[in-house]
Amino acid sequence: MDEVRELHTRVLGILVKAEEAGDLRAATGAIREARSTIELLAKLTGQIDERPEVSIVLSPEWLTIRVAILDALEPFPEARFAVGERLLTVAGAT
């Protein structure tokens, strides 16, 4: 983290010098590098989370299990309704 922060500080210094010199190409490159170091810092501090989100609600396995549960509860209508309602709540459908 300290090294990335130091790198970011150095990049900002280069940006200032490039702007003062009127070197737009160098300034643009420094801006690009500054953005990259900001992004890296955000990832390292957890401000950007790139982990994939997995939702089981739409998976074929979950659909099969849900049907099996509700089918098994068919002889017990009150329990079937209660479990069905709870499954909808857990799945975020209500």
C-alpha atoms as a PDB file:
ATOM      1  CA  MET A   1       0.000   0.000   0.000  1.00  0.00           C
ATOM      2  CA  ASP A   2       2.762   2.413   0.910  1.00  0.00           C
ATOM      3  CA  GLU A   3       4.534   1.740  -2.366  1.00  0.00           C
ATOM      4  CA  VAL A   4       1.369   2.377  -4.372  1.00  0.00           C
ATOM      5  CA  ARG A   5       0.759   5.617  -2.470  1.00  0.00           C
ATOM      6  CA  GLU A   6       4.363   6.676  -3.112  1.00  0.00           C
ATOM      7  CA  LEU A   7       3.973   5.830  -6.781  1.00  0.00           C
ATOM      8  CA  HIS A   8       0.770   7.876  -6.912  1.00  0.00           C
ATOM      9  CA  THR A   9       2.531  10.851  -5.319  1.00  0.00           C
ATOM     10  CA  ARG A  10       5.338  10.586  -7.870  1.00  0.00           C
ATOM     11  CA  VAL A  11       2.851  10.393 -10.752  1.00  0.00           C
ATOM     12  CA  LEU A  12       1.101  13.527  -9.500  1.00  0.00           C
ATOM     13  CA  GLY A  13       4.456  15.294  -9.344  1.00  0.00           C
ATOM     14  CA  ILE A  14       5.157  14.326 -12.945  1.00  0.00           C
ATOM     15  CA  LEU A  15       1.716  15.598 -13.926  1.00  0.00           C
ATOM     16  CA  VAL A  16       2.395  18.983 -12.337  1.00  0.00           C
ATOM     17  CA  LYS A  17       5.761  19.255 -14.105  1.00  0.00           C
ATOM     18  CA  ALA A  18       4.269  18.217 -17.445  1.00  0.00           C
ATOM     19  CA  GLU A  19       1.489  20.805 -17.110  1.00  0.00           C
ATOM     20  CA  GLU A  20       3.959  23.515 -16.134  1.00  0.00           C
ATOM     21  CA  ALA A  21       6.078  22.651 -19.181  1.00  0.00           C
ATOM     22  CA  GLY A  22       3.010  22.650 -21.428  1.00  0.00           C
ATOM     23  CA  ASP A  23       3.726  19.063 -22.409  1.00  0.00           C
ATOM     24  CA  LEU A  24       0.201  17.830 -23.067  1.00  0.00           C
ATOM     25  CA  ARG A  25       1.309  14.371 -24.143  1.00  0.00           C
ATOM     26  CA  ALA A  26       3.228  13.814 -20.906  1.00  0.00           C
ATOM     27  CA  ALA A  27       0.395  15.348 -18.889  1.00  0.00           C
ATOM     28  CA  THR A  28      -2.127  13.021 -20.520  1.00  0.00           C
ATOM     29  CA  GLY A  29       0.101  10.031 -19.754  1.00  0.00           C
ATOM     30  CA  ALA A  30       0.482  11.162 -16.153  1.00  0.00           C
ATOM     31  CA  ILE A  31      -3.285  11.559 -15.818  1.00  0.00           C
ATOM     32  CA  ARG A  32      -3.731   8.017 -17.152  1.00  0.00           C
ATOM     33  CA  GLU A  33      -1.176   6.685 -14.654  1.00  0.00           C
ATOM     34  CA  ALA A  34      -2.766   8.661 -11.808  1.00  0.00           C
ATOM     35  CA  ARG A  35      -6.119   7.119 -12.646  1.00  0.00           C
ATOM     36  CA  SER A  36      -4.535   3.663 -12.640  1.00  0.00           C
ATOM     37  CA  THR A  37      -2.920   4.178  -9.245  1.00  0.00           C
ATOM     38  CA  ILE A  38      -6.199   5.523  -7.816  1.00  0.00           C
ATOM     39  CA  GLU A  39      -7.986   2.435  -9.128  1.00  0.00           C
ATOM     40  CA  LEU A  40      -5.331   0.147  -7.662  1.00  0.00           C
ATOM     41  CA  LEU A  41      -5.565   1.878  -4.277  1.00  0.00           C
ATOM     42  CA  ALA A  42      -9.360   1.539  -4.340  1.00  0.00           C
ATOM     43  CA  LYS A  43      -9.056  -2.182  -5.061  1.00  0.00           C
ATOM     44  CA  LEU A  44      -6.482  -2.683  -2.312  1.00  0.00           C
ATOM     45  CA  THR A  45      -8.598  -0.828   0.251  1.00  0.00           C
ATOM     46  CA  GLY A  46     -11.773  -2.681  -0.718  1.00  0.00           C
ATOM     47  CA  GLN A  47     -13.536   0.335  -2.234  1.00  0.00           C
ATOM     48  CA  ILE A  48     -13.733  -1.574  -5.506  1.00  0.00           C
ATOM     49  CA  ASP A  49     -14.769  -5.202  -5.258  1.00  0.00           C
ATOM     50  CA  GLU A  50     -14.317  -7.206  -8.448  1.00  0.00           C
ATOM     51  CA  ARG A  51     -15.336 -10.550  -6.999  1.00  0.00           C
ATOM     52  CA  PRO A  52     -18.147 -12.088  -9.005  1.00  0.00           C
ATOM     53  CA  GLU A  53     -21.537 -12.200  -7.351  1.00  0.00           C
ATOM     54  CA  VAL A  54     -23.211 -15.566  -7.456  1.00  0.00           C
ATOM     55  CA  SER A  55     -26.972 -15.884  -7.217  1.00  0.00           C
ATOM     56  CA  ILE A  56     -28.324 -19.348  -6.653  1.00  0.00           C
ATOM     57  CA  VAL A  57     -31.891 -18.191  -7.214  1.00  0.00           C
ATOM     58  CA  LEU A  58     -31.682 -18.729 -10.966  1.00  0.00           C
ATOM     59  CA  SER A  59     -29.536 -21.851 -10.928  1.00  0.00           C
ATOM     60  CA  PRO A  60     -31.126 -25.022 -12.304  1.00  0.00           C
ATOM     61  CA  GLU A  61     -30.076 -26.900  -9.162  1.00  0.00           C
ATOM     62  CA  TRP A  62     -31.939 -24.468  -6.902  1.00  0.00           C
ATOM     63  CA  LEU A  63     -35.050 -24.620  -9.091  1.00  0.00           C
ATOM     64  CA  THR A  64     -35.005 -28.428  -8.833  1.00  0.00           C
ATOM     65  CA  ILE A  65     -34.591 -28.318  -5.046  1.00  0.00           C
ATOM     66  CA  ARG A  66     -37.349 -25.725  -4.667  1.00  0.00           C
ATOM     67  CA  VAL A  67     -39.786 -27.849  -6.688  1.00  0.00           C
ATOM     68  CA  ALA A  68     -38.838 -30.941  -4.666  1.00  0.00           C
ATOM     69  CA  ILE A  69     -39.450 -29.148  -1.363  1.00  0.00           C
ATOM     70  CA  LEU A  70     -42.814 -27.786  -2.441  1.00  0.00           C
ATOM     71  CA  ASP A  71     -43.846 -31.147  -3.918  1.00  0.00           C
ATOM     72  CA  ALA A  72     -42.936 -32.932  -0.670  1.00  0.00           C
ATOM     73  CA  LEU A  73     -45.061 -30.448   1.249  1.00  0.00           C
ATOM     74  CA  GLU A  74     -48.100 -30.854  -1.001  1.00  0.00           C
ATOM     75  CA  PRO A  75     -49.965 -33.021   1.547  1.00  0.00           C
ATOM     76  CA  PHE A  76     -49.456 -30.218   4.089  1.00  0.00           C
ATOM     77  CA  PRO A  77     -50.979 -27.078   2.504  1.00  0.00           C
ATOM     78  CA  GLU A  78     -50.319 -24.725   5.423  1.00  0.00           C
ATOM     79  CA  ALA A  79     -46.680 -25.818   5.692  1.00  0.00           C
ATOM     80  CA  ARG A  80     -46.299 -25.656   1.906  1.00  0.00           C
ATOM     81  CA  PHE A  81     -47.621 -22.109   1.855  1.00  0.00           C
ATOM     82  CA  ALA A  82     -45.413 -21.044   4.777  1.00  0.00           C
ATOM     83  CA  VAL A  83     -42.290 -22.574   3.238  1.00  0.00           C
ATOM     84  CA  GLY A  84     -43.117 -21.119  -0.192  1.00  0.00           C
ATOM     85  CA  GLU A  85     -43.564 -17.648   1.302  1.00  0.00           C
ATOM     86  CA  ARG A  86     -40.299 -17.955   3.214  1.00  0.00           C
ATOM     87  CA  LEU A  87     -38.417 -19.114   0.127  1.00  0.00           C
ATOM     88  CA  LEU A  88     -39.702 -16.096  -1.777  1.00  0.00           C
ATOM     89  CA  THR A  89     -38.519 -13.822   1.036  1.00  0.00           C
ATOM     90  CA  VAL A  90     -35.077 -15.414   1.147  1.00  0.00           C
ATOM     91  CA  ALA A  91     -34.769 -15.200  -2.626  1.00  0.00           C
ATOM     92  CA  GLY A  92     -35.588 -11.498  -2.501  1.00  0.00           C
ATOM     93  CA  ALA A  93     -38.695 -11.908  -4.635  1.00  0.00           C
ATOM     94  CA  THR A  94     -40.963 -10.076  -2.178  1.00  0.00           C
END
